[in-house]
Amino acid sequence: TSEDAEAPMESTPITCKACGEPTVKPTIVLFRGSMPKEFHTLTSEDLPECDLLIVIGTSLSVAPANSLVYRVPPTALRMVMNNERVGRRLGIDYGEHSVRDVFAHGHSDETCLDLAEKMGWLDDLAAIVEELPESSARLLRERLAR
């Protein structure tokens, strides 16, 4: 079989060495995993009021998360930050005449940092740089040093 004999039988959270709190595992949903109850509650509350949907680092091929792009109001802007253009089958239009869909090509950390810089938020991020994951903190420090 293709099973890993040394893999644990049950998935457990990875804890932070500094604070002991769970880190990566609780914030992701594995393929065929259930979305948290809050996802369904909050999307039905928040989406009707959404004026900007930012989609980061996803193929947009798995429901229900991919449904967000067509559940926002038709007036909402949709920004996709990714290494490749995704979501065309869901109605995202990256054409030159598109008025609501924007593609930001690149790695998630870098494109998010680009957006934060354009919004004037780098000083806000600098105040919490020690709380960021190391790779994000390094990118931020490099950007601030420019």
C-alpha atoms as a PDB file:
ATOM      1  CA  THR A   1       0.000   0.000   0.000  1.00  0.00           C
ATOM      2  CA  SER A   2       0.974   3.651  -0.170  1.00  0.00           C
ATOM      3  CA  GLU A   3       0.374   4.262   3.531  1.00  0.00           C
ATOM      4  CA  ASP A   4       3.195   5.625   5.654  1.00  0.00           C
ATOM      5  CA  ALA A   5       3.766   3.175   8.523  1.00  0.00           C
ATOM      6  CA  GLU A   6       5.279   5.947  10.641  1.00  0.00           C
ATOM      7  CA  ALA A   7       2.436   8.427  10.125  1.00  0.00           C
ATOM      8  CA  PRO A   8       0.254   9.058  13.179  1.00  0.00           C
ATOM      9  CA  MET A   9      -3.203   7.485  13.118  1.00  0.00           C
ATOM     10  CA  GLU A  10      -4.777  10.794  14.138  1.00  0.00           C
ATOM     11  CA  SER A  11      -3.844  14.334  13.124  1.00  0.00           C
ATOM     12  CA  THR A  12      -2.838  16.645  15.972  1.00  0.00           C
ATOM     13  CA  PRO A  13      -2.127  20.386  16.035  1.00  0.00           C
ATOM     14  CA  ILE A  14       1.439  21.622  15.707  1.00  0.00           C
ATOM     15  CA  THR A  15       2.214  23.790  18.715  1.00  0.00           C
ATOM     16  CA  CYS A  16       4.240  26.975  18.745  1.00  0.00           C
ATOM     17  CA  LYS A  17       7.594  26.512  20.508  1.00  0.00           C
ATOM     18  CA  ALA A  18       7.396  30.005  22.011  1.00  0.00           C
ATOM     19  CA  CYS A  19       3.864  30.083  23.442  1.00  0.00           C
ATOM     20  CA  GLY A  20       2.651  26.474  23.300  1.00  0.00           C
ATOM     21  CA  GLU A  21      -0.503  27.424  21.382  1.00  0.00           C
ATOM     22  CA  PRO A  22      -1.644  25.400  18.348  1.00  0.00           C
ATOM     23  CA  THR A  23      -0.457  26.905  15.067  1.00  0.00           C
ATOM     24  CA  VAL A  24      -0.888  25.463  11.577  1.00  0.00           C
ATOM     25  CA  LYS A  25      -3.334  22.564  11.830  1.00  0.00           C
ATOM     26  CA  PRO A  26      -6.410  24.331  13.265  1.00  0.00           C
ATOM     27  CA  THR A  27      -6.348  27.033  10.593  1.00  0.00           C
ATOM     28  CA  ILE A  28      -6.582  24.743   7.562  1.00  0.00           C
ATOM     29  CA  VAL A  29      -9.218  22.414   6.214  1.00  0.00           C
ATOM     30  CA  LEU A  30      -7.889  19.294   4.577  1.00  0.00           C
ATOM     31  CA  PHE A  31      -9.445  18.042   1.344  1.00  0.00           C
ATOM     32  CA  ARG A  32     -12.847  16.497   2.115  1.00  0.00           C
ATOM     33  CA  GLY A  33     -12.686  18.015   5.602  1.00  0.00           C
ATOM     34  CA  SER A  34     -15.614  19.959   7.003  1.00  0.00           C
ATOM     35  CA  MET A  35     -15.514  23.712   7.142  1.00  0.00           C
ATOM     36  CA  PRO A  36     -15.953  25.224  10.612  1.00  0.00           C
ATOM     37  CA  LYS A  37     -19.563  26.028  11.533  1.00  0.00           C
ATOM     38  CA  GLU A  38     -18.605  29.723  11.627  1.00  0.00           C
ATOM     39  CA  PHE A  39     -17.789  29.627   7.907  1.00  0.00           C
ATOM     40  CA  HIS A  40     -21.416  28.991   7.016  1.00  0.00           C
ATOM     41  CA  THR A  41     -22.841  31.369   9.614  1.00  0.00           C
ATOM     42  CA  LEU A  42     -20.514  34.252   8.885  1.00  0.00           C
ATOM     43  CA  THR A  43     -20.609  33.961   5.096  1.00  0.00           C
ATOM     44  CA  SER A  44     -24.384  34.242   5.050  1.00  0.00           C
ATOM     45  CA  GLU A  45     -24.124  37.298   7.348  1.00  0.00           C
ATOM     46  CA  ASP A  46     -21.101  38.993   5.768  1.00  0.00           C
ATOM     47  CA  LEU A  47     -21.283  38.304   2.033  1.00  0.00           C
ATOM     48  CA  PRO A  48     -24.345  40.471   1.291  1.00  0.00           C
ATOM     49  CA  GLU A  49     -22.389  43.475   2.659  1.00  0.00           C
ATOM     50  CA  CYS A  50     -19.062  42.612   0.988  1.00  0.00           C
ATOM     51  CA  ASP A  51     -17.550  45.269  -1.252  1.00  0.00           C
ATOM     52  CA  LEU A  52     -14.115  43.625  -1.688  1.00  0.00           C
ATOM     53  CA  LEU A  53     -13.312  39.909  -1.710  1.00  0.00           C
ATOM     54  CA  ILE A  54      -9.622  39.014  -1.572  1.00  0.00           C
ATOM     55  CA  VAL A  55      -8.837  35.456  -2.669  1.00  0.00           C
ATOM     56  CA  ILE A  56      -5.330  34.323  -1.710  1.00  0.00           C
ATOM     57  CA  GLY A  57      -3.354  31.282  -2.837  1.00  0.00           C
ATOM     58  CA  THR A  58      -6.028  28.830  -3.917  1.00  0.00           C
ATOM     59  CA  SER A  59      -7.057  26.912  -7.017  1.00  0.00           C
ATOM     60  CA  LEU A  60     -10.722  27.789  -6.388  1.00  0.00           C
ATOM     61  CA  SER A  61     -11.606  24.232  -7.301  1.00  0.00           C
ATOM     62  CA  VAL A  62     -13.051  22.972  -4.008  1.00  0.00           C
ATOM     63  CA  ALA A  63     -16.480  23.834  -2.597  1.00  0.00           C
ATOM     64  CA  PRO A  64     -17.757  25.479  -0.525  1.00  0.00           C
ATOM     65  CA  ALA A  65     -14.883  27.991  -0.376  1.00  0.00           C
ATOM     66  CA  ASN A  66     -14.904  28.501  -4.157  1.00  0.00           C
ATOM     67  CA  SER A  67     -18.560  29.568  -3.988  1.00  0.00           C
ATOM     68  CA  LEU A  68     -17.581  32.825  -2.302  1.00  0.00           C
ATOM     69  CA  VAL A  69     -16.524  34.392  -5.613  1.00  0.00           C
ATOM     70  CA  TYR A  70     -20.056  34.220  -7.000  1.00  0.00           C
ATOM     71  CA  ARG A  71     -21.916  34.763  -3.728  1.00  0.00           C
ATOM     72  CA  VAL A  72     -20.653  38.320  -3.215  1.00  0.00           C
ATOM     73  CA  PRO A  73     -22.813  41.117  -4.629  1.00  0.00           C
ATOM     74  CA  PRO A  74     -22.267  41.922  -8.322  1.00  0.00           C
ATOM     75  CA  THR A  75     -20.883  45.320  -7.265  1.00  0.00           C
ATOM     76  CA  ALA A  76     -18.142  43.762  -5.094  1.00  0.00           C
ATOM     77  CA  LEU A  77     -14.576  43.891  -6.365  1.00  0.00           C
ATOM     78  CA  ARG A  78     -12.699  40.573  -6.428  1.00  0.00           C
ATOM     79  CA  MET A  79      -8.914  40.486  -6.082  1.00  0.00           C
ATOM     80  CA  VAL A  80      -7.156  37.180  -6.715  1.00  0.00           C
ATOM     81  CA  MET A  81      -3.598  36.919  -5.324  1.00  0.00           C
ATOM     82  CA  ASN A  82      -2.055  33.779  -6.734  1.00  0.00           C
ATOM     83  CA  ASN A  83       0.694  32.313  -8.907  1.00  0.00           C
ATOM     84  CA  GLU A  84      -1.811  31.607 -11.667  1.00  0.00           C
ATOM     85  CA  ARG A  85      -5.121  32.991 -12.839  1.00  0.00           C
ATOM     86  CA  VAL A  86      -7.914  30.896 -11.364  1.00  0.00           C
ATOM     87  CA  GLY A  87     -11.688  31.044 -11.183  1.00  0.00           C
ATOM     88  CA  ARG A  88     -12.630  31.639 -14.807  1.00  0.00           C
ATOM     89  CA  ARG A  89     -15.175  28.797 -14.626  1.00  0.00           C
ATOM     90  CA  LEU A  90     -16.695  30.604 -11.651  1.00  0.00           C
ATOM     91  CA  GLY A  91     -17.158  33.853 -13.551  1.00  0.00           C
ATOM     92  CA  ILE A  92     -13.928  35.677 -12.738  1.00  0.00           C
ATOM     93  CA  ASP A  93     -12.935  37.800 -15.729  1.00  0.00           C
ATOM     94  CA  TYR A  94      -9.341  38.979 -16.014  1.00  0.00           C
ATOM     95  CA  GLY A  95      -9.925  40.672 -19.353  1.00  0.00           C
ATOM     96  CA  GLU A  96      -8.752  44.195 -20.071  1.00  0.00           C
ATOM     97  CA  HIS A  97     -12.328  45.476 -19.814  1.00  0.00           C
ATOM     98  CA  SER A  98     -13.075  43.814 -16.478  1.00  0.00           C
ATOM     99  CA  VAL A  99     -14.354  46.314 -13.924  1.00  0.00           C
ATOM    100  CA  ARG A 100     -14.509  44.091 -10.860  1.00  0.00           C
ATOM    101  CA  ASP A 101     -11.809  41.403 -11.091  1.00  0.00           C
ATOM    102  CA  VAL A 102      -8.114  42.066 -10.427  1.00  0.00           C
ATOM    103  CA  PHE A 103      -5.235  39.600 -10.620  1.00  0.00           C
ATOM    104  CA  ALA A 104      -2.163  40.120  -8.419  1.00  0.00           C
ATOM    105  CA  HIS A 105       0.468  37.642  -9.597  1.00  0.00           C
ATOM    106  CA  GLY A 106       2.968  36.290  -7.103  1.00  0.00           C
ATOM    107  CA  HIS A 107       3.515  34.514  -3.827  1.00  0.00           C
ATOM    108  CA  SER A 108       0.933  35.187  -1.122  1.00  0.00           C
ATOM    109  CA  ASP A 109       3.257  36.860   1.402  1.00  0.00           C
ATOM    110  CA  GLU A 110       4.700  39.189  -1.213  1.00  0.00           C
ATOM    111  CA  THR A 111       1.414  40.187  -2.827  1.00  0.00           C
ATOM    112  CA  CYS A 112      -0.193  40.768   0.578  1.00  0.00           C
ATOM    113  CA  LEU A 113       2.765  42.942   1.533  1.00  0.00           C
ATOM    114  CA  ASP A 114       2.415  44.850  -1.756  1.00  0.00           C
ATOM    115  CA  LEU A 115      -1.236  45.528  -0.936  1.00  0.00           C
ATOM    116  CA  ALA A 116      -0.388  46.577   2.628  1.00  0.00           C
ATOM    117  CA  GLU A 117       2.231  48.987   1.283  1.00  0.00           C
ATOM    118  CA  LYS A 118      -0.187  50.509  -1.231  1.00  0.00           C
ATOM    119  CA  MET A 119      -2.757  50.923   1.559  1.00  0.00           C
ATOM    120  CA  GLY A 120      -0.205  52.626   3.842  1.00  0.00           C
ATOM    121  CA  TRP A 121      -0.253  49.843   6.434  1.00  0.00           C
ATOM    122  CA  LEU A 122       3.477  49.031   6.672  1.00  0.00           C
ATOM    123  CA  ASP A 123       3.887  50.994   9.916  1.00  0.00           C
ATOM    124  CA  ASP A 124       0.963  49.059  11.413  1.00  0.00           C
ATOM    125  CA  LEU A 125       2.599  45.784  10.408  1.00  0.00           C
ATOM    126  CA  ALA A 126       5.968  46.947  11.743  1.00  0.00           C
ATOM    127  CA  ALA A 127       4.353  47.322  15.170  1.00  0.00           C
ATOM    128  CA  ILE A 128       3.482  43.602  15.205  1.00  0.00           C
ATOM    129  CA  VAL A 129       6.437  42.230  13.242  1.00  0.00           C
ATOM    130  CA  GLU A 130       7.516  39.996  16.160  1.00  0.00           C
ATOM    131  CA  GLU A 131       4.113  38.279  16.115  1.00  0.00           C
ATOM    132  CA  LEU A 132       4.345  37.341  12.418  1.00  0.00           C
ATOM    133  CA  PRO A 133       5.633  34.009  11.103  1.00  0.00           C
ATOM    134  CA  GLU A 134       9.389  34.246  10.508  1.00  0.00           C
ATOM    135  CA  SER A 135       9.176  34.240   6.709  1.00  0.00           C
ATOM    136  CA  SER A 136       6.570  37.031   6.747  1.00  0.00           C
ATOM    137  CA  ALA A 137       8.562  39.014   9.313  1.00  0.00           C
ATOM    138  CA  ARG A 138      11.712  38.725   7.190  1.00  0.00           C
ATOM    139  CA  LEU A 139       9.891  40.005   4.091  1.00  0.00           C
ATOM    140  CA  LEU A 140       8.448  42.889   6.065  1.00  0.00           C
ATOM    141  CA  ARG A 141      11.832  43.850   7.523  1.00  0.00           C
ATOM    142  CA  GLU A 142      13.365  43.785   4.033  1.00  0.00           C
ATOM    143  CA  ARG A 143      10.569  45.982   2.699  1.00  0.00           C
ATOM    144  CA  LEU A 144      10.923  48.455   5.573  1.00  0.00           C
ATOM    145  CA  ALA A 145      14.691  48.669   5.011  1.00  0.00           C
ATOM    146  CA  ARG A 146      14.221  49.960   1.426  1.00  0.00           C
END
